[in-house]
Protein backbone atom coordinates (compact mmCIF):
# COMPACT_ATOMS: atom_id res chain seq x y z
CA MET A 1 -5.79 60.35 52.88
CA GLY A 2 -9.01 59.68 51.05
CA VAL A 3 -12.56 60.82 49.71
CA ILE A 4 -15.72 59.31 51.11
CA THR A 5 -19.32 59.62 49.84
CA ILE A 6 -22.37 58.72 51.91
CA SER A 7 -25.63 58.22 50.37
CA ARG A 8 -28.60 58.31 52.71
CA GLY A 9 -32.32 58.88 53.16
CA SER A 10 -33.91 61.25 55.58
CA TYR A 11 -33.61 60.21 59.16
CA SER A 12 -31.47 57.28 58.28
CA LYS A 13 -28.55 58.38 60.72
CA GLY A 14 -26.40 58.96 57.81
CA MET A 15 -25.60 62.39 58.78
CA GLU A 16 -24.79 61.37 62.24
CA ILE A 17 -22.49 58.65 60.87
CA ALA A 18 -20.70 61.16 58.36
CA GLU A 19 -20.02 63.68 61.33
CA LYS A 20 -18.78 60.99 63.76
CA LEU A 21 -16.58 59.43 61.08
CA SER A 22 -15.05 62.67 60.09
CA LEU A 23 -14.06 63.48 63.68
CA ARG A 24 -12.66 59.82 63.81
CA LEU A 25 -10.61 60.17 60.58
CA GLY A 26 -9.98 63.90 60.76
CA TYR A 27 -11.62 64.50 57.68
CA GLU A 28 -13.73 67.64 56.50
CA CYS A 29 -17.34 66.88 56.40
CA VAL A 30 -19.46 68.47 53.70
CA SER A 31 -23.18 68.34 52.41
CA ARG A 32 -25.57 71.33 52.19
CA GLU A 33 -22.86 73.92 52.21
CA ILE A 34 -21.73 73.02 48.71
CA LEU A 35 -25.42 73.93 47.55
CA LEU A 36 -24.85 77.56 49.63
CA GLU A 37 -21.35 78.07 48.01
CA THR A 38 -22.82 77.30 44.50
CA SER A 39 -25.60 79.49 44.91
CA ALA A 40 -23.45 82.38 45.86
CA LEU A 41 -20.83 81.85 43.45
CA PHE A 42 -23.38 81.65 40.45
CA ASN A 43 -25.98 84.04 41.81
CA ILE A 44 -28.68 81.38 41.63
CA ARG A 45 -31.35 81.28 44.33
CA GLU A 46 -30.74 78.28 46.58
CA VAL A 47 -34.44 77.29 46.23
CA LYS A 48 -33.89 76.60 42.66
CA LEU A 49 -30.94 74.30 43.28
CA ILE A 50 -32.67 72.51 46.05
CA ARG A 51 -35.60 71.91 43.72
CA ALA A 52 -33.40 70.83 40.87
CA ILE A 53 -31.91 68.11 43.12
CA HIS A 54 -34.80 66.94 45.26
CA ASP A 55 -38.01 67.33 43.14
CA ALA A 56 -39.54 65.03 40.72
CA PRO A 57 -38.26 65.45 37.14
CA SER A 58 -41.14 67.77 36.23
CA ILE A 59 -39.43 70.62 37.99
CA PHE A 60 -36.65 70.59 35.20
CA GLU A 61 -39.10 71.35 32.52
CA ARG A 62 -39.79 74.81 33.75
CA PHE A 63 -36.11 75.78 32.92
CA LYS A 64 -34.39 75.58 29.59
CA HIS A 65 -31.53 73.27 30.04
CA GLY A 66 -32.05 73.88 33.87
CA LYS A 67 -31.42 70.33 34.88
CA GLU A 68 -27.98 70.20 33.16
CA LYS A 69 -26.90 73.73 34.14
CA TYR A 70 -27.77 73.36 37.88
CA ILE A 71 -26.27 70.00 38.27
CA ASN A 72 -22.99 70.99 36.65
CA PHE A 73 -22.81 73.98 38.97
CA ILE A 74 -23.29 71.65 41.96
CA ARG A 75 -20.74 68.99 40.22
CA GLU A 76 -18.16 71.75 40.21
CA ALA A 77 -18.57 72.63 43.80
CA PHE A 78 -18.37 68.96 44.76
CA LEU A 79 -15.18 68.46 42.82
CA GLU A 80 -13.58 71.71 44.25
CA HIS A 81 -14.14 70.06 47.65
CA ILE A 82 -12.86 66.77 47.13
CA ARG A 83 -9.70 68.00 45.35
CA LYS A 84 -8.47 69.13 48.97
CA ASP A 85 -8.66 65.30 49.84
CA ASN A 86 -9.63 63.99 53.30
CA VAL A 87 -13.29 64.89 52.69
CA ILE A 88 -16.55 63.05 53.52
CA TYR A 89 -19.36 64.13 51.48
CA HIS A 90 -22.82 62.97 52.62
CA GLY A 91 -25.94 63.96 50.60
CA LEU A 92 -26.65 65.03 47.11
CA ALA A 93 -25.48 62.58 44.49
CA GLY A 94 -22.00 62.21 45.52
CA GLN A 95 -21.65 58.69 44.11
CA PHE A 96 -22.70 59.99 40.65
CA PHE A 97 -20.35 63.19 40.58
CA CYS A 98 -17.27 60.89 41.38
CA LYS A 99 -18.33 58.13 38.85
CA GLY A 100 -15.18 57.00 37.14
CA ILE A 101 -12.85 58.30 39.96
CA PRO A 102 -11.00 55.26 41.61
CA ASN A 103 -10.20 54.87 45.12
CA ILE A 104 -13.31 56.73 46.52
CA LEU A 105 -15.18 54.82 49.20
CA LYS A 106 -18.82 54.98 48.38
CA ILE A 107 -21.31 54.20 51.15
CA ARG A 108 -25.16 53.79 51.44
CA ILE A 109 -26.81 53.99 54.81
CA ILE A 110 -30.31 52.53 55.17
CA ALA A 111 -32.72 52.30 58.10
CA ASN A 112 -36.07 50.79 58.79
CA LEU A 113 -39.19 52.74 57.46
CA GLU A 114 -41.06 52.43 60.68
CA ASP A 115 -38.01 53.94 62.72
CA ARG A 116 -37.69 56.91 60.20
CA ILE A 117 -41.47 57.57 60.61
CA LYS A 118 -41.12 57.74 64.50
CA GLU A 119 -38.28 60.17 63.98
CA GLU A 120 -40.26 62.33 61.44
CA MET A 121 -43.28 62.37 63.81
CA SER A 122 -40.97 63.39 66.81
CA ARG A 123 -39.06 66.08 64.93
CA GLU A 124 -41.98 67.72 62.96
CA ASN A 125 -44.84 67.07 65.55
CA ILE A 126 -46.97 65.44 63.09
CA SER A 127 -49.24 62.19 62.84
CA GLU A 128 -48.04 58.72 61.83
CA GLN A 129 -50.06 59.11 58.63
CA GLU A 130 -48.60 62.33 57.76
CA ALA A 131 -45.06 61.17 58.50
CA ARG A 132 -45.41 57.93 56.42
CA TYR A 133 -46.75 60.04 53.44
CA ILE A 134 -44.04 62.60 53.56
CA LEU A 135 -41.18 59.95 53.88
CA LYS A 136 -42.51 57.80 51.02
CA LYS A 137 -42.92 60.88 48.71
CA ASP A 138 -39.36 62.03 49.41
CA ASP A 139 -38.04 58.58 48.81
CA GLU A 140 -39.96 58.45 45.52
CA GLU A 141 -39.03 61.71 44.33
CA ARG A 142 -35.20 60.93 45.02
CA ARG A 143 -35.64 57.64 43.15
CA LYS A 144 -37.34 59.46 40.11
CA TRP A 145 -34.61 61.98 40.03
CA SER A 146 -31.71 59.67 40.09
CA MET A 147 -33.45 57.47 37.30
CA TYR A 148 -34.43 60.34 35.14
CA LEU A 149 -30.93 62.01 35.31
CA TYR A 150 -28.59 59.08 35.31
CA GLY A 151 -30.75 56.13 34.50
CA VAL A 152 -29.82 54.40 37.90
CA ASP A 153 -31.67 53.75 41.00
CA THR A 154 -30.08 55.10 44.26
CA ASN A 155 -31.13 51.85 46.02
CA ASP A 156 -29.16 49.69 43.82
CA PRO A 157 -26.40 48.27 46.02
CA GLY A 158 -23.95 47.94 43.02
CA LEU A 159 -23.43 51.71 43.05
CA TYR A 160 -21.61 51.37 46.70
CA ASP A 161 -18.80 49.54 48.12
CA ILE A 162 -20.97 48.85 51.12
CA VAL A 163 -24.40 49.23 52.32
CA LEU A 164 -25.08 49.54 56.02
CA HIS A 165 -28.52 48.72 57.77
CA ILE A 166 -28.85 50.83 60.89
CA ASP A 167 -30.87 48.56 63.04
CA ASN A 168 -29.25 45.84 65.21
CA LEU A 169 -26.09 47.73 63.98
CA LYS A 170 -25.86 51.08 65.61
CA VAL A 171 -24.36 54.24 64.68
CA ASP A 172 -21.00 53.75 66.66
CA ASP A 173 -20.62 50.28 65.10
CA ALA A 174 -21.07 51.81 61.59
CA VAL A 175 -18.52 54.33 62.32
CA GLY A 176 -15.99 51.66 63.49
CA ILE A 177 -16.60 49.60 60.45
CA LEU A 178 -16.24 52.65 58.03
CA THR A 179 -13.13 53.85 60.01
CA ASP A 180 -11.29 50.64 59.31
CA MET A 181 -12.39 50.48 55.53
CA ALA A 182 -11.38 54.12 54.76
CA LYS A 183 -7.69 52.98 55.92
CA LEU A 184 -7.69 50.21 53.31
CA PRO A 185 -5.00 50.87 50.45
CA SER A 186 -7.89 50.40 48.05
CA PHE A 187 -9.51 53.83 49.32
CA GLU A 188 -6.39 55.82 49.64
CA THR A 189 -5.86 58.92 47.35
CA THR A 190 -3.27 57.99 44.90
CA PRO A 191 -1.55 60.36 42.30
CA GLU A 192 -3.61 58.83 39.55
CA SER A 193 -7.05 59.23 41.10
CA LYS A 194 -5.97 62.86 42.19
CA LYS A 195 -5.08 63.73 38.57
CA ILE A 196 -8.57 62.34 37.39
CA ILE A 197 -10.21 64.40 39.99
CA ASP A 198 -8.36 67.62 38.90
CA ASP A 199 -9.39 66.67 35.21
CA TYR A 200 -13.13 66.20 36.15
CA HIS A 201 -13.11 69.48 37.94
CA LEU A 202 -11.37 71.23 35.07
CA ALA A 203 -14.09 69.94 32.69
CA ALA A 204 -16.80 70.92 35.10
CA LYS A 205 -15.29 74.54 34.98
CA ALA A 206 -14.98 74.67 31.36
CA LYS A 207 -18.48 73.35 30.86
CA GLY A 208 -19.76 76.02 33.09
CA LYS A 209 -18.18 78.83 31.15
CA LEU A 210 -19.57 77.38 27.83
CA PHE A 211 -23.01 76.66 29.03
CA ASP A 212 -24.81 79.79 28.17
CA GLY A 213 -23.57 79.85 24.53
CA PHE A 214 -23.15 76.10 23.90
CA PRO A 215 -25.47 74.31 26.27
CA SER A 216 -25.23 70.96 24.28
CA ALA A 217 -21.66 70.86 24.13
CA GLU A 218 -19.85 67.60 25.71
CA VAL A 219 -16.85 68.58 27.76
CA ARG A 220 -13.93 66.26 28.94
CA CYS A 221 -10.41 66.74 30.10
CA LYS A 222 -7.28 64.58 30.30
CA ASN A 223 -4.08 65.82 31.55
CA GLY A 224 -5.16 69.37 31.46
CA VAL A 225 -6.18 69.36 27.77
CA VAL A 226 -9.90 70.11 27.45
CA TYR A 227 -11.78 68.42 24.65
CA VAL A 228 -15.08 69.87 23.45
CA SER A 229 -17.30 68.03 21.11
CA ILE A 230 -20.46 69.96 19.58
CA GLU A 231 -22.79 69.21 16.80
CA THR A 232 -23.45 71.91 14.16
CA ALA A 233 -23.30 72.66 10.39
CA LEU A 234 -19.86 72.27 8.91
CA SER A 235 -20.10 75.81 7.54
CA LEU A 236 -19.95 77.04 11.22
CA GLU A 237 -16.92 74.71 12.14
CA GLN A 238 -14.28 77.33 12.35
CA GLU A 239 -16.63 80.11 13.65
CA LEU A 240 -17.48 77.97 16.68
CA THR A 241 -14.17 76.44 17.18
CA ASP A 242 -12.61 79.91 17.55
CA LYS A 243 -15.44 81.16 19.86
CA ILE A 244 -15.20 78.13 22.07
CA ILE A 245 -11.41 78.25 22.42
CA LYS A 246 -11.52 82.04 23.10
CA THR A 247 -14.31 81.54 25.81
CA LEU A 248 -12.16 79.12 27.68
CA THR A 249 -8.88 80.70 27.18
CA SER A 250 -9.79 84.23 28.06
CA ASN A 251 -11.67 83.47 31.26
CA GLY A 252 -8.80 82.74 33.51
CA ILE A 253 -9.57 79.11 34.21
CA GLU A 254 -6.20 77.80 35.83
CA GLY A 255 -4.84 74.56 34.53
CA ILE A 256 -6.06 74.43 30.92
CA LYS A 257 -3.18 73.55 28.95
CA GLN A 258 -4.96 73.28 25.47
CA VAL A 259 -8.49 73.20 24.05
CA LYS A 260 -9.32 70.98 21.25
CA VAL A 261 -12.71 71.26 19.61
CA ASN A 262 -14.48 68.54 17.58
CA VAL A 263 -17.32 69.59 15.45
CA VAL A 264 -19.82 66.70 14.58
CA PRO A 265 -21.91 67.55 11.50
CA PHE A 266 -25.72 67.65 11.69
CA GLU A 267 -27.30 64.59 10.34
CA SER A 268 -29.21 65.46 7.13
CA GLY A 269 -32.07 62.94 7.82
CA ASP A 270 -32.12 62.15 4.15
């Protein structure tokens, strides 16, 4: 029993590894379908979600609080999946969404640029020059996105438990290594890690419900108690507290035991 995230670039064999590993372990394998579910659930066109994840940071400037809103939607869908356990997620920012959750196996798959270029040329029927440009642009946009959103570089090996280079090491070799790793006690789901996932998921759901009215609110959850922190004038403290509690308790969010609101007074600047 466990959860695995696989970070990969295009044409790095990461998808193939994820699919073969899921068959070997008997885990569910998910990726782009999380976007589709999110799009349907929140009535947001998928193209906006894809742009919010893949494009350079400038795309977020077109939407008010767009970055935070769309990422929270996808985080909620991601956490909904991994709550089921026995899941492999490959693709968009899994290592970020599960930050702070123990026992999750985080993997990075890389491949030689020249091999990726050949694959792009073959699949898209384009020249070497075009393929090289597309791949470098895609890699740079992903890097910019992660730096802009989280302040970290997806190429940083410190984000992962293991980085595998697909070259001399083949796909089946990688699957064998990862199968053995996934069975280690370090990466088995525990009652503690499951409780943390449930709290993260509840916090994401609460954040989603509050977003339109309180986009700057910080939301966290522990043992089913939702803590909301928001900056405003002290004169509005009781009004906002009542509104936040009502929003979260009248929307039928299963699992919320209590809502606690912390109002941080505006700095006067004097």
